C-alpha atoms as a PDB file:
ATOM      1  CA  MET A   1      32.733  -6.625  55.989  1.00  0.00           C
ATOM      2  CA  THR A   2      36.167  -8.140  56.648  1.00  0.00           C
ATOM      3  CA  HIS A   3      35.823  -9.139  60.299  1.00  0.00           C
ATOM      4  CA  GLU A   4      36.559 -12.744  61.251  1.00  0.00           C
ATOM      5  CA  ARG A   5      34.938 -12.459  64.716  1.00  0.00           C
ATOM      6  CA  MET A   6      31.358 -11.260  64.918  1.00  0.00           C
ATOM      7  CA  ALA A   7      28.501 -11.168  67.446  1.00  0.00           C
ATOM      8  CA  ILE A   8      24.788 -10.976  66.704  1.00  0.00           C
ATOM      9  CA  ILE A   9      22.827  -9.437  69.568  1.00  0.00           C
ATOM     10  CA  GLY A  10      19.060  -9.891  69.835  1.00  0.00           C
ATOM     11  CA  THR A  11      16.580  -9.022  72.563  1.00  0.00           C
ATOM     12  CA  ALA A  12      15.952 -12.337  74.354  1.00  0.00           C
ATOM     13  CA  GLN A  13      17.264 -12.451  77.908  1.00  0.00           C
ATOM     14  CA  SER A  14      20.656 -13.957  77.080  1.00  0.00           C
ATOM     15  CA  TRP A  15      21.713 -10.753  75.282  1.00  0.00           C
ATOM     16  CA  GLN A  16      23.257  -9.781  78.621  1.00  0.00           C
ATOM     17  CA  LYS A  17      25.987 -12.414  78.109  1.00  0.00           C
ATOM     18  CA  MET A  18      27.473 -10.280  75.337  1.00  0.00           C
ATOM     19  CA  PRO A  19      31.141  -9.534  76.239  1.00  0.00           C
ATOM     20  CA  TRP A  20      30.971  -5.804  75.540  1.00  0.00           C
ATOM     21  CA  THR A  21      34.627  -5.217  76.432  1.00  0.00           C
ATOM     22  CA  ASP A  22      35.881  -7.652  73.777  1.00  0.00           C
ATOM     23  CA  SER A  23      36.899  -4.969  71.284  1.00  0.00           C
ATOM     24  CA  GLY A  24      37.882  -7.570  68.690  1.00  0.00           C
ATOM     25  CA  LEU A  25      34.294  -8.790  68.447  1.00  0.00           C
ATOM     26  CA  TYR A  26      32.380  -6.994  65.690  1.00  0.00           C
ATOM     27  CA  ALA A  27      28.986  -6.313  67.317  1.00  0.00           C
ATOM     28  CA  CYS A  28      25.871  -6.356  65.128  1.00  0.00           C
ATOM     29  CA  SER A  29      22.320  -5.838  66.306  1.00  0.00           C
ATOM     30  CA  LEU A  30      18.929  -5.233  64.769  1.00  0.00           C
ATOM     31  CA  ASN A  31      15.517  -3.619  64.771  1.00  0.00           C
ATOM     32  CA  ASP A  32      14.885  -1.736  68.052  1.00  0.00           C
ATOM     33  CA  ALA A  33      17.330  -3.577  70.327  1.00  0.00           C
ATOM     34  CA  TYR A  34      18.942  -0.217  71.143  1.00  0.00           C
ATOM     35  CA  ARG A  35      16.095   0.373  73.590  1.00  0.00           C
ATOM     36  CA  MET A  36      17.374  -2.275  76.007  1.00  0.00           C
ATOM     37  CA  LYS A  37      18.773  -0.802  79.199  1.00  0.00           C
ATOM     38  CA  GLY A  38      22.440  -1.683  79.379  1.00  0.00           C
ATOM     39  CA  PHE A  39      22.992  -2.025  75.625  1.00  0.00           C
ATOM     40  CA  VAL A  40      26.570  -0.760  75.233  1.00  0.00           C
ATOM     41  CA  ARG A  41      27.643  -0.640  71.611  1.00  0.00           C
ATOM     42  CA  ALA A  42      27.161  -1.794  68.042  1.00  0.00           C
ATOM     43  CA  ASP A  43      29.460  -1.711  65.052  1.00  0.00           C
ATOM     44  CA  ALA A  44      26.671  -2.291  62.535  1.00  0.00           C
ATOM     45  CA  TRP A  45      22.871  -2.230  62.578  1.00  0.00           C
ATOM     46  CA  TYR A  46      20.220  -4.107  60.638  1.00  0.00           C
ATOM     47  CA  ASP A  47      16.553  -3.437  59.943  1.00  0.00           C
ATOM     48  CA  LEU A  48      15.610  -5.357  56.822  1.00  0.00           C
ATOM     49  CA  HIS A  49      11.872  -4.676  56.968  1.00  0.00           C
ATOM     50  CA  PRO A  50      10.295  -2.214  54.519  1.00  0.00           C
ATOM     51  CA  LEU A  51      10.712   1.294  55.896  1.00  0.00           C
ATOM     52  CA  ASP A  52       7.219   2.251  54.736  1.00  0.00           C
ATOM     53  CA  LYS A  53       5.621  -0.662  56.616  1.00  0.00           C
ATOM     54  CA  PHE A  54       6.329   0.340  60.207  1.00  0.00           C
ATOM     55  CA  TYR A  55       3.593   0.760  62.781  1.00  0.00           C
ATOM     56  CA  PHE A  56       4.366   3.133  65.626  1.00  0.00           C
ATOM     57  CA  PRO A  57       2.076   2.409  68.608  1.00  0.00           C
ATOM     58  CA  GLU A  58       1.138   5.125  71.060  1.00  0.00           C
ATOM     59  CA  GLY A  59       2.137   3.167  74.175  1.00  0.00           C
ATOM     60  CA  ASP A  60       4.671   0.550  75.147  1.00  0.00           C
ATOM     61  CA  ARG A  61       2.184  -2.299  74.880  1.00  0.00           C
ATOM     62  CA  VAL A  62       0.513  -3.362  71.655  1.00  0.00           C
ATOM     63  CA  HIS A  63      -1.614  -6.371  70.749  1.00  0.00           C
ATOM     64  CA  ALA A  64      -1.071  -8.296  67.536  1.00  0.00           C
ATOM     65  CA  HIS A  65      -4.571  -7.525  66.230  1.00  0.00           C
ATOM     66  CA  GLU A  66      -3.818  -3.791  66.436  1.00  0.00           C
ATOM     67  CA  VAL A  67      -0.934  -3.986  63.980  1.00  0.00           C
ATOM     68  CA  PRO A  68      -2.036  -3.425  60.354  1.00  0.00           C
ATOM     69  CA  LEU A  69      -1.548  -6.420  58.097  1.00  0.00           C
ATOM     70  CA  GLY A  70       1.953  -6.518  56.646  1.00  0.00           C
ATOM     71  CA  HIS A  71       3.340  -3.951  59.086  1.00  0.00           C
ATOM     72  CA  TYR A  72       5.978  -4.223  61.810  1.00  0.00           C
ATOM     73  CA  CYS A  73       6.023  -2.564  65.231  1.00  0.00           C
ATOM     74  CA  ARG A  74       8.708  -0.019  65.971  1.00  0.00           C
ATOM     75  CA  PRO A  75       8.977   2.668  68.668  1.00  0.00           C
ATOM     76  CA  LYS A  76       8.276   6.244  67.751  1.00  0.00           C
ATOM     77  CA  GLY A  77      11.460   7.924  66.605  1.00  0.00           C
ATOM     78  CA  HIS A  78      12.873   4.711  65.140  1.00  0.00           C
ATOM     79  CA  LEU A  79      13.508   6.158  61.695  1.00  0.00           C
ATOM     80  CA  GLU A  80      15.112   9.221  63.239  1.00  0.00           C
ATOM     81  CA  TRP A  81      17.376   6.956  65.328  1.00  0.00           C
ATOM     82  CA  LEU A  82      18.480   5.050  62.222  1.00  0.00           C
ATOM     83  CA  ALA A  83      19.083   8.315  60.374  1.00  0.00           C
ATOM     84  CA  LYS A  84      21.679   9.616  62.815  1.00  0.00           C
ATOM     85  CA  GLN A  85      23.769   6.452  63.183  1.00  0.00           C
ATOM     86  CA  MET A  86      27.450   6.702  62.303  1.00  0.00           C
ATOM     87  CA  ILE A  87      27.826   2.964  61.824  1.00  0.00           C
ATOM     88  CA  PRO A  88      26.733   0.905  58.801  1.00  0.00           C
ATOM     89  CA  VAL A  89      22.939   0.568  58.781  1.00  0.00           C
ATOM     90  CA  TRP A  90      21.849  -2.332  56.575  1.00  0.00           C
ATOM     91  CA  LEU A  91      18.365  -1.824  55.183  1.00  0.00           C
ATOM     92  CA  ASN A  92      15.879  -3.398  52.811  1.00  0.00           C
ATOM     93  CA  PRO A  93      17.334  -3.319  49.265  1.00  0.00           C
ATOM     94  CA  ASP A  94      14.437  -1.061  48.184  1.00  0.00           C
ATOM     95  CA  TYR A  95      14.786   1.353  51.106  1.00  0.00           C
ATOM     96  CA  LEU A  96      15.220   4.433  48.909  1.00  0.00           C
ATOM     97  CA  THR A  97      11.919   3.748  47.162  1.00  0.00           C
ATOM     98  CA  GLN A  98      10.203   3.017  50.465  1.00  0.00           C
ATOM     99  CA  TYR A  99      11.571   6.074  52.267  1.00  0.00           C
ATOM    100  CA  PRO A 100      13.365   8.566  49.987  1.00  0.00           C
ATOM    101  CA  GLU A 101      14.547  10.644  52.944  1.00  0.00           C
ATOM    102  CA  ALA A 102      16.941   7.802  53.773  1.00  0.00           C
ATOM    103  CA  ALA A 103      19.143   8.995  50.904  1.00  0.00           C
ATOM    104  CA  ASN A 104      20.496  11.528  53.417  1.00  0.00           C
ATOM    105  CA  TRP A 105      21.363   8.954  56.061  1.00  0.00           C
ATOM    106  CA  PRO A 106      25.171   8.934  56.282  1.00  0.00           C
ATOM    107  CA  LEU A 107      25.855   5.170  56.405  1.00  0.00           C
ATOM    108  CA  ALA A 108      22.653   3.587  55.140  1.00  0.00           C
ATOM    109  CA  ARG A 109      23.351   0.602  52.905  1.00  0.00           C
ATOM    110  CA  PRO A 110      21.144  -1.786  50.910  1.00  0.00           C
ATOM    111  CA  PHE A 111      21.375  -5.300  52.296  1.00  0.00           C
ATOM    112  CA  PRO A 112      22.991  -7.530  49.626  1.00  0.00           C
ATOM    113  CA  LYS A 113      20.031  -9.897  49.431  1.00  0.00           C
ATOM    114  CA  ALA A 114      20.695 -11.054  45.874  1.00  0.00           C
ATOM    115  CA  GLU A 115      24.346 -11.818  46.624  1.00  0.00           C
ATOM    116  CA  VAL A 116      23.484 -13.784  49.774  1.00  0.00           C
ATOM    117  CA  GLU A 117      20.830 -15.739  47.852  1.00  0.00           C
ATOM    118  CA  ALA A 118      23.310 -16.492  45.084  1.00  0.00           C
ATOM    119  CA  HIS A 119      25.623 -17.956  47.714  1.00  0.00           C
ATOM    120  CA  PHE A 120      23.145 -19.869  49.916  1.00  0.00           C
ATOM    121  CA  GLY A 121      19.809 -20.049  48.085  1.00  0.00           C
ATOM    122  CA  THR A 122      16.488 -18.447  48.966  1.00  0.00           C
ATOM    123  CA  TYR A 123      15.683 -20.292  52.202  1.00  0.00           C
ATOM    124  CA  PHE A 124      15.897 -17.552  54.831  1.00  0.00           C
ATOM    125  CA  ALA A 125      13.337 -17.241  57.610  1.00  0.00           C
ATOM    126  CA  SER A 126      14.496 -14.437  59.927  1.00  0.00           C
ATOM    127  CA  SER A 127      16.582 -11.276  60.067  1.00  0.00           C
ATOM    128  CA  PRO A 128      19.288 -13.016  62.156  1.00  0.00           C
ATOM    129  CA  GLY A 129      19.344 -15.725  59.486  1.00  0.00           C
ATOM    130  CA  TRP A 130      20.068 -13.144  56.791  1.00  0.00           C
ATOM    131  CA  MET A 131      22.747 -11.651  59.053  1.00  0.00           C
ATOM    132  CA  ILE A 132      24.464 -15.026  59.428  1.00  0.00           C
ATOM    133  CA  GLY A 133      24.268 -15.578  55.659  1.00  0.00           C
ATOM    134  CA  GLN A 134      26.008 -12.279  54.979  1.00  0.00           C
ATOM    135  CA  ALA A 135      28.595 -12.983  57.682  1.00  0.00           C
ATOM    136  CA  LEU A 136      29.442 -16.398  56.258  1.00  0.00           C
ATOM    137  CA  MET A 137      29.650 -14.998  52.759  1.00  0.00           C
ATOM    138  CA  ASP A 138      32.053 -12.317  54.019  1.00  0.00           C
ATOM    139  CA  GLY A 139      34.356 -14.790  55.744  1.00  0.00           C
ATOM    140  CA  VAL A 140      33.413 -14.661  59.421  1.00  0.00           C
ATOM    141  CA  LYS A 141      35.062 -17.603  61.210  1.00  0.00           C
ATOM    142  CA  GLU A 142      33.942 -17.034  64.812  1.00  0.00           C
ATOM    143  CA  LEU A 143      30.313 -16.187  65.461  1.00  0.00           C
ATOM    144  CA  HIS A 144      28.792 -15.303  68.829  1.00  0.00           C
ATOM    145  CA  ILE A 145      25.006 -15.224  69.162  1.00  0.00           C
ATOM    146  CA  TYR A 146      23.378 -13.548  72.163  1.00  0.00           C
ATOM    147  CA  GLY A 147      19.694 -12.873  72.738  1.00  0.00           C
ATOM    148  CA  ILE A 148      18.434 -14.916  69.778  1.00  0.00           C
ATOM    149  CA  HIS A 149      16.279 -17.741  71.172  1.00  0.00           C
ATOM    150  CA  LEU A 150      13.592 -18.297  68.527  1.00  0.00           C
ATOM    151  CA  ALA A 151      11.481 -19.926  71.224  1.00  0.00           C
ATOM    152  CA  THR A 152       7.977 -18.564  70.620  1.00  0.00           C
ATOM    153  CA  ASP A 153       5.573 -20.759  68.669  1.00  0.00           C
ATOM    154  CA  HIS A 154       5.895 -19.033  65.286  1.00  0.00           C
ATOM    155  CA  GLU A 155       9.628 -18.429  65.682  1.00  0.00           C
ATOM    156  CA  TYR A 156      10.289 -22.046  66.607  1.00  0.00           C
ATOM    157  CA  ILE A 157       8.251 -23.441  63.734  1.00  0.00           C
ATOM    158  CA  GLU A 158       9.092 -20.897  61.025  1.00  0.00           C
ATOM    159  CA  GLN A 159      12.505 -19.457  61.848  1.00  0.00           C
ATOM    160  CA  ARG A 160      14.597 -21.753  64.018  1.00  0.00           C
ATOM    161  CA  PRO A 161      15.254 -24.566  61.480  1.00  0.00           C
ATOM    162  CA  ASN A 162      16.823 -22.145  59.002  1.00  0.00           C
ATOM    163  CA  PHE A 163      18.801 -20.415  61.740  1.00  0.00           C
ATOM    164  CA  GLU A 164      20.207 -23.698  63.037  1.00  0.00           C
ATOM    165  CA  MET A 165      21.034 -24.827  59.507  1.00  0.00           C
ATOM    166  CA  LEU A 166      23.163 -21.704  59.039  1.00  0.00           C
ATOM    167  CA  CYS A 167      24.904 -22.310  62.369  1.00  0.00           C
ATOM    168  CA  GLY A 168      25.775 -25.777  61.081  1.00  0.00           C
ATOM    169  CA  THR A 169      27.048 -24.269  57.848  1.00  0.00           C
ATOM    170  CA  LEU A 170      29.549 -22.214  59.846  1.00  0.00           C
ATOM    171  CA  LEU A 171      30.891 -25.319  61.587  1.00  0.00           C
ATOM    172  CA  GLY A 172      30.980 -27.434  58.416  1.00  0.00           C
ATOM    173  CA  ARG A 173      30.985 -31.219  58.044  1.00  0.00           C
ATOM    174  CA  GLY A 174      34.100 -32.086  60.023  1.00  0.00           C
ATOM    175  CA  LYS A 175      34.515 -33.187  63.608  1.00  0.00           C
ATOM    176  CA  ARG A 176      33.424 -30.657  66.185  1.00  0.00           C
ATOM    177  CA  THR A 177      33.765 -30.226  69.931  1.00  0.00           C
ATOM    178  CA  MET A 178      31.522 -28.477  72.430  1.00  0.00           C
ATOM    179  CA  THR A 179      32.660 -27.077  75.761  1.00  0.00           C
ATOM    180  CA  VAL A 180      30.729 -25.151  78.403  1.00  0.00           C
ATOM    181  CA  LYS A 181      32.265 -22.381  80.465  1.00  0.00           C
ATOM    182  CA  GLU A 182      30.803 -19.410  82.338  1.00  0.00           C
ATOM    183  CA  GLY A 183      27.335 -20.004  80.982  1.00  0.00           C
ATOM    184  CA  LEU A 184      28.404 -20.254  77.330  1.00  0.00           C
ATOM    185  CA  ARG A 185      28.492 -23.181  74.907  1.00  0.00           C
ATOM    186  CA  ARG A 186      31.476 -23.044  72.568  1.00  0.00           C
ATOM    187  CA  TYR A 187      31.407 -25.191  69.439  1.00  0.00           C
ATOM    188  CA  GLU A 188      34.667 -25.572  67.518  1.00  0.00           C
ATOM    189  CA  SER A 189      35.587 -27.263  64.262  1.00  0.00           C
ATOM    190  CA  ALA A 190      38.330 -26.869  61.691  1.00  0.00           C
ATOM    191  CA  GLU A 191      36.067 -24.455  59.794  1.00  0.00           C
ATOM    192  CA  GLY A 192      34.599 -22.242  62.457  1.00  0.00           C
ATOM    193  CA  ILE A 193      33.713 -21.357  66.041  1.00  0.00           C
ATOM    194  CA  LEU A 194      30.188 -20.789  67.343  1.00  0.00           C
ATOM    195  CA  VAL A 195      29.409 -19.382  70.799  1.00  0.00           C
ATOM    196  CA  LEU A 196      25.915 -19.571  72.311  1.00  0.00           C
ATOM    197  CA  PRO A 197      24.605 -18.904  75.837  1.00  0.00           C
ATOM    198  CA  GLU A 198      23.535 -21.996  77.722  1.00  0.00           C
ATOM    199  CA  ALA A 199      20.170 -20.284  78.214  1.00  0.00           C
ATOM    200  CA  SER A 200      19.515 -20.264  74.469  1.00  0.00           C
ATOM    201  CA  PRO A 201      17.435 -23.181  73.153  1.00  0.00           C
ATOM    202  CA  VAL A 202      19.183 -22.922  69.775  1.00  0.00           C
ATOM    203  CA  LEU A 203      21.133 -26.125  68.988  1.00  0.00           C
ATOM    204  CA  SER A 204      19.770 -27.824  72.093  1.00  0.00           C
ATOM    205  CA  GLY A 205      16.959 -30.174  73.068  1.00  0.00           C
ATOM    206  CA  ASN A 206      15.598 -31.848  76.156  1.00  0.00           C
ATOM    207  CA  PHE A 207      15.822 -35.435  74.917  1.00  0.00           C
ATOM    208  CA  GLN A 208      17.462 -37.642  72.302  1.00  0.00           C
ATOM    209  CA  TYR A 209      14.979 -39.017  69.825  1.00  0.00           C
ATOM    210  CA  ALA A 210      14.661 -42.843  69.839  1.00  0.00           C
ATOM    211  CA  PHE A 211      17.071 -43.201  72.769  1.00  0.00           C
ATOM    212  CA  GLU A 212      15.203 -41.241  75.446  1.00  0.00           C
ATOM    213  CA  SER A 213      11.549 -40.753  76.309  1.00  0.00           C
ATOM    214  CA  ARG A 214       9.948 -37.586  75.054  1.00  0.00           C
ATOM    215  CA  PRO A 215       9.411 -35.509  78.243  1.00  0.00           C
ATOM    216  CA  CYS A 216       6.246 -33.784  77.114  1.00  0.00           C
ATOM    217  CA  ALA A 217       4.598 -37.141  76.386  1.00  0.00           C
ATOM    218  CA  VAL A 218       3.273 -36.985  79.946  1.00  0.00           C
ATOM    219  CA  GLU A 219       1.145 -34.043  78.795  1.00  0.00           C
ATOM    220  CA  GLU A 220      -0.914 -36.180  76.426  1.00  0.00           C
ATOM    221  CA  PRO A 221      -3.396 -37.512  79.057  1.00  0.00           C
ATOM    222  CA  ILE A 222      -3.989 -33.928  80.235  1.00  0.00           C
ATOM    223  CA  LYS A 223      -4.541 -32.769  76.655  1.00  0.00           C
ATOM    224  CA  TRP A 224      -7.066 -35.559  76.188  1.00  0.00           C
ATOM    225  CA  GLU A 225      -8.973 -34.550  79.322  1.00  0.00           C
ATOM    226  CA  LEU A 226      -8.992 -30.936  78.136  1.00  0.00           C
ATOM    227  CA  HIS A 227     -10.257 -32.030  74.725  1.00  0.00           C
ATOM    228  CA  LYS A 228     -13.154 -33.954  76.327  1.00  0.00           C
ATOM    229  CA  VAL A 229     -14.115 -30.911  78.405  1.00  0.00           C
ATOM    230  CA  GLN A 230     -14.040 -28.710  75.304  1.00  0.00           C
ATOM    231  CA  VAL A 231     -16.294 -31.140  73.407  1.00  0.00           C
ATOM    232  CA  LYS A 232     -18.784 -31.180  76.283  1.00  0.00           C
ATOM    233  CA  THR A 233     -18.687 -27.390  76.437  1.00  0.00           C
ATOM    234  CA  MET A 234     -19.537 -27.139  72.740  1.00  0.00           C
ATOM    235  CA  ARG A 235     -22.471 -29.540  73.226  1.00  0.00           C
ATOM    236  CA  VAL A 236     -23.939 -27.320  75.938  1.00  0.00           C
ATOM    237  CA  LEU A 237     -23.382 -24.141  73.924  1.00  0.00           C
ATOM    238  CA  THR A 238     -25.005 -25.709  70.864  1.00  0.00           C
ATOM    239  CA  GLY A 239     -27.918 -26.964  72.959  1.00  0.00           C
ATOM    240  CA  LEU A 240     -28.543 -23.519  74.433  1.00  0.00           C
ATOM    241  CA  LYS A 241     -28.351 -21.919  71.005  1.00  0.00           C
ATOM    242  CA  GLN A 242     -30.762 -24.397  69.424  1.00  0.00           C
ATOM    243  CA  LYS A 243     -33.340 -24.492  72.270  1.00  0.00           C
ATOM    244  CA  PRO A 244     -36.750 -23.351  70.989  1.00  0.00           C
ATOM    245  CA  ARG A 245     -38.167 -20.410  72.928  1.00  0.00           C
ATOM    246  CA  TRP A 246     -41.334 -22.298  73.743  1.00  0.00           C
ATOM    247  CA  SER A 247     -39.511 -25.308  75.200  1.00  0.00           C
ATOM    248  CA  PRO A 248     -38.350 -25.476  78.854  1.00  0.00           C
ATOM    249  CA  TRP A 249     -35.660 -28.007  77.938  1.00  0.00           C
ATOM    250  CA  VAL A 250     -32.138 -27.846  76.588  1.00  0.00           C
ATOM    251  CA  VAL A 251     -31.576 -31.132  74.749  1.00  0.00           C
ATOM    252  CA  LEU A 252     -28.043 -32.484  74.603  1.00  0.00           C
ATOM    253  CA  PRO A 253     -26.520 -35.624  73.063  1.00  0.00           C
ATOM    254  CA  ASP A 254     -25.655 -38.272  75.659  1.00  0.00           C
ATOM    255  CA  PRO A 255     -23.194 -40.549  73.801  1.00  0.00           C
ATOM    256  CA  ALA A 256     -22.254 -42.418  76.974  1.00  0.00           C
ATOM    257  CA  LYS A 257     -25.728 -44.008  76.863  1.00  0.00           C
ATOM    258  CA  GLY A 258     -25.808 -44.598  73.116  1.00  0.00           C
ATOM    259  CA  PRO A 259     -25.546 -42.830  69.759  1.00  0.00           C
ATOM    260  CA  GLU A 260     -29.208 -41.780  69.797  1.00  0.00           C
ATOM    261  CA  ALA A 261     -29.490 -41.014  73.519  1.00  0.00           C
ATOM    262  CA  ARG A 262     -30.440 -37.520  74.638  1.00  0.00           C
ATOM    263  CA  GLU A 263     -30.255 -35.641  77.933  1.00  0.00           C
ATOM    264  CA  ARG A 264     -32.704 -32.911  78.976  1.00  0.00           C
ATOM    265  CA  LEU A 265     -31.668 -29.983  81.160  1.00  0.00           C
ATOM    266  CA  THR A 266     -33.400 -26.805  82.192  1.00  0.00           C
ATOM    267  CA  THR A 267     -31.778 -23.599  80.982  1.00  0.00           C
ATOM    268  CA  HIS A 268     -30.497 -22.948  84.502  1.00  0.00           C
ATOM    269  CA  GLN A 269     -28.993 -26.448  84.726  1.00  0.00           C
ATOM    270  CA  ALA A 270     -27.345 -26.030  81.329  1.00  0.00           C
ATOM    271  CA  GLN A 271     -25.837 -22.690  82.340  1.00  0.00           C
ATOM    272  CA  GLU A 272     -24.523 -24.154  85.596  1.00  0.00           C
ATOM    273  CA  ARG A 273     -22.937 -27.019  83.709  1.00  0.00           C
ATOM    274  CA  LEU A 274     -21.356 -24.583  81.274  1.00  0.00           C
ATOM    275  CA  VAL A 275     -19.763 -22.620  84.122  1.00  0.00           C
ATOM    276  CA  ALA A 276     -18.441 -25.832  85.684  1.00  0.00           C
ATOM    277  CA  LEU A 277     -17.002 -27.032  82.377  1.00  0.00           C
ATOM    278  CA  GLU A 278     -15.287 -23.708  81.713  1.00  0.00           C
ATOM    279  CA  ALA A 279     -13.733 -23.791  85.191  1.00  0.00           C
ATOM    280  CA  LEU A 280     -12.551 -27.365  84.616  1.00  0.00           C
ATOM    281  CA  ALA A 281     -11.047 -26.406  81.249  1.00  0.00           C
ATOM    282  CA  ALA A 282      -9.178 -23.526  82.889  1.00  0.00           C
ATOM    283  CA  ASP A 283      -7.759 -25.937  85.485  1.00  0.00           C
ATOM    284  CA  TRP A 284      -6.535 -28.359  82.801  1.00  0.00           C
ATOM    285  CA  GLN A 285      -5.007 -25.496  80.808  1.00  0.00           C
ATOM    286  CA  GLU A 286      -3.162 -24.228  83.877  1.00  0.00           C
ATOM    287  CA  THR A 287      -1.864 -27.730  84.577  1.00  0.00           C
ATOM    288  CA  LEU A 288      -0.644 -28.019  80.988  1.00  0.00           C
ATOM    289  CA  ALA A 289       1.083 -24.655  81.177  1.00  0.00           C
ATOM    290  CA  ARG A 290       2.926 -25.636  84.371  1.00  0.00           C
ATOM    291  CA  MET A 291       4.016 -28.961  82.874  1.00  0.00           C
ATOM    292  CA  HIS A 292       5.169 -27.280  79.655  1.00  0.00           C
ATOM    293  CA  GLN A 293       7.225 -24.735  81.582  1.00  0.00           C
ATOM    294  CA  ALA A 294       8.795 -27.511  83.635  1.00  0.00           C
ATOM    295  CA  HIS A 295       9.813 -29.355  80.452  1.00  0.00           C
ATOM    296  CA  MET A 296      11.151 -26.221  78.774  1.00  0.00           C
ATOM    297  CA  HIS A 297      13.381 -25.360  81.710  1.00  0.00           C
ATOM    298  CA  GLY A 298      14.500 -28.830  82.695  1.00  0.00           C
END
């Protein structure tokens, strides 16, 4: 790869900001992003997962528990789509062992994992991270990133720190500027240029630590109320489970009246309380979800 300007295109909503008509921008995408309606072009493709560890669901929707351990979801026909591409297709270094038929794919290439690790170390947490590592190693100076948000729980915790570190590596240690125009953030330094959609949470936050209040701190009282409801729910469930068949009473701890205090309810009363507690928990959870969404989107 000898391109100084490159774009990585993922599947989060901001992928639509990709300037498809910029012919000087080397467009790279990954996995099954080709399925997105309106996806125009790619100059290289990446699927670094083991080719023998794909799970092809019957329908468009699949739940995590349905995917076999160690496998990755892909649409039916994915391998056939990769096979007919006339652009470089970067694959797992062991792809020929995993799927010998790939030897006939015209532009299949083993991803240079060892070379990238020799350059940057072994800390890589996502396919886009590996893509940035290869791009930096090959001399890319201007990097555009569209549709890579890393905003779900596991992505944020596991993948985003490494991804942001690599973005910082592109820009280097010197002074940098950031401008916003037409929905894009443009970071520039003497060493590189990075372009991100404003909608992407990468390299952004909703407060400055130590100098501004943490917005989601207002959620803590709600979380505490939800926790109390969940504790009370478990007391009722435990009481119902432990009630002897011969006894008419469900005995529950009553810590508000003392560590040894007990409360007696009929089975019907206990079941009614359980329903009320579950409804209250659902209300608190909905309130938390609304507050979290408000904080995430300003």
